[in-house]
């Protein structure tokens, strides 16, 4: 039994000792993350300063709109759990809040 355990340990150490698990120094072949992506790619050399400014412009209060949508959906779920007339009022109010946030988000 001891011989069997030692032979399994030796077999487990053999690939590491022979550098079988080390990365090859040759060029990498096969699929890449860039090749797996879907969509259009912009070459950085062709992008001028105005394109970079326009692409990175962020709308103010965008986080507030997303927060309104999240809180509205949360209120709809809470209203569904409450049930009855009070739950219906909470669901309608949450739907209104979520739609208001969505409207401003898409604007």
Protein backbone atom coordinates (compact mmCIF):
# COMPACT_ATOMS: atom_id res chain seq x y z
CA UNK A 1 0.00 0.00 0.00
CA UNK A 2 2.85 2.37 0.86
CA UNK A 3 4.48 1.62 -2.49
CA UNK A 4 1.24 2.51 -4.29
CA UNK A 5 0.99 5.85 -2.46
CA UNK A 6 4.61 6.72 -3.23
CA UNK A 7 4.17 5.83 -6.90
CA UNK A 8 1.08 8.09 -7.14
CA UNK A 9 3.06 10.96 -5.60
CA UNK A 10 5.89 10.34 -8.06
CA UNK A 11 3.45 10.37 -10.98
CA UNK A 12 1.94 13.62 -9.71
CA UNK A 13 5.38 15.26 -9.42
CA UNK A 14 6.69 14.01 -12.76
CA UNK A 15 5.03 16.65 -15.02
CA UNK A 16 6.23 19.51 -12.79
CA UNK A 17 9.75 18.11 -12.64
CA UNK A 18 9.93 17.74 -16.41
CA UNK A 19 8.57 21.30 -16.94
CA UNK A 20 5.58 19.89 -18.81
CA UNK A 21 3.24 22.41 -17.20
CA UNK A 22 5.36 25.46 -18.04
CA UNK A 23 4.23 27.94 -20.69
CA UNK A 24 5.89 27.54 -24.04
CA UNK A 25 8.18 30.30 -25.22
CA UNK A 26 6.80 30.04 -28.76
CA UNK A 27 4.16 32.37 -30.14
CA UNK A 28 0.67 31.92 -28.76
CA UNK A 29 -1.73 30.18 -31.11
CA UNK A 30 -5.42 29.59 -30.81
CA UNK A 31 -8.45 31.71 -29.94
CA UNK A 32 -8.05 35.08 -28.26
CA UNK A 33 -10.40 37.28 -26.28
CA UNK A 34 -10.26 39.94 -29.02
CA UNK A 35 -11.31 37.42 -31.66
CA UNK A 36 -14.18 36.19 -29.47
CA UNK A 37 -15.75 39.62 -29.04
CA UNK A 38 -18.71 40.59 -31.18
CA UNK A 39 -19.20 44.05 -32.61
CA UNK A 40 -17.33 46.86 -34.25
CA UNK A 41 -13.79 47.76 -33.25
CA UNK A 42 -12.25 51.18 -33.60
CA UNK A 43 -8.58 51.37 -34.37
CA UNK A 44 -6.97 53.67 -31.78
CA UNK A 45 -4.69 55.15 -34.45
CA UNK A 46 -7.70 56.47 -36.42
CA UNK A 47 -9.42 58.10 -33.44
CA UNK A 48 -8.82 61.84 -33.15
CA UNK A 49 -9.23 64.01 -30.05
CA UNK A 50 -12.82 65.07 -30.78
CA UNK A 51 -14.01 61.49 -31.08
CA UNK A 52 -12.49 60.62 -27.71
CA UNK A 53 -14.16 63.61 -26.06
CA UNK A 54 -17.56 62.75 -27.54
CA UNK A 55 -17.27 59.06 -26.66
CA UNK A 56 -16.39 59.70 -23.03
CA UNK A 57 -19.03 62.37 -22.35
CA UNK A 58 -21.26 61.21 -19.50
CA UNK A 59 -24.76 62.48 -18.94
CA UNK A 60 -25.28 64.09 -15.56
CA UNK A 61 -27.75 62.45 -13.15
CA UNK A 62 -27.68 59.12 -14.99
CA UNK A 63 -27.15 57.28 -11.70
CA UNK A 64 -30.21 58.98 -10.25
CA UNK A 65 -32.37 57.67 -13.09
CA UNK A 66 -31.11 54.12 -12.58
CA UNK A 67 -31.78 54.45 -8.85
CA UNK A 68 -35.36 55.51 -9.56
CA UNK A 69 -35.88 52.43 -11.73
CA UNK A 70 -34.40 50.09 -9.12
CA UNK A 71 -36.41 51.56 -6.25
CA UNK A 72 -39.57 51.46 -8.37
CA UNK A 73 -39.12 47.77 -9.16
CA UNK A 74 -38.38 47.13 -5.50
CA UNK A 75 -41.60 48.89 -4.52
CA UNK A 76 -43.51 46.78 -7.04
CA UNK A 77 -42.11 43.59 -5.50
CA UNK A 78 -42.89 44.83 -1.98
CA UNK A 79 -46.42 45.72 -3.04
CA UNK A 80 -46.92 42.27 -4.50
CA UNK A 81 -45.80 40.74 -1.21
CA UNK A 82 -48.10 42.99 0.84
CA UNK A 83 -51.19 42.17 -1.19
CA UNK A 84 -54.66 43.61 -0.89
CA UNK A 85 -55.60 47.21 -1.66
CA UNK A 86 -52.50 48.62 0.04
CA UNK A 87 -50.28 46.33 -2.04
CA UNK A 88 -52.01 47.41 -5.23
CA UNK A 89 -51.37 51.07 -4.41
CA UNK A 90 -47.70 50.32 -3.68
CA UNK A 91 -47.36 48.37 -6.96
CA UNK A 92 -48.89 51.23 -8.97
CA UNK A 93 -46.68 53.79 -7.24
CA UNK A 94 -43.59 51.64 -7.85
CA UNK A 95 -44.49 51.19 -11.50
CA UNK A 96 -44.91 54.95 -11.87
CA UNK A 97 -41.52 55.56 -10.24
CA UNK A 98 -39.81 52.94 -12.43
CA UNK A 99 -41.37 54.35 -15.60
CA UNK A 100 -40.39 57.90 -14.60
CA UNK A 101 -36.78 56.74 -14.09
CA UNK A 102 -36.83 54.89 -17.40
CA UNK A 103 -38.18 57.93 -19.21
CA UNK A 104 -35.39 60.16 -17.88
CA UNK A 105 -32.78 57.44 -18.50
CA UNK A 106 -33.76 57.12 -22.17
CA UNK A 107 -34.11 60.86 -22.69
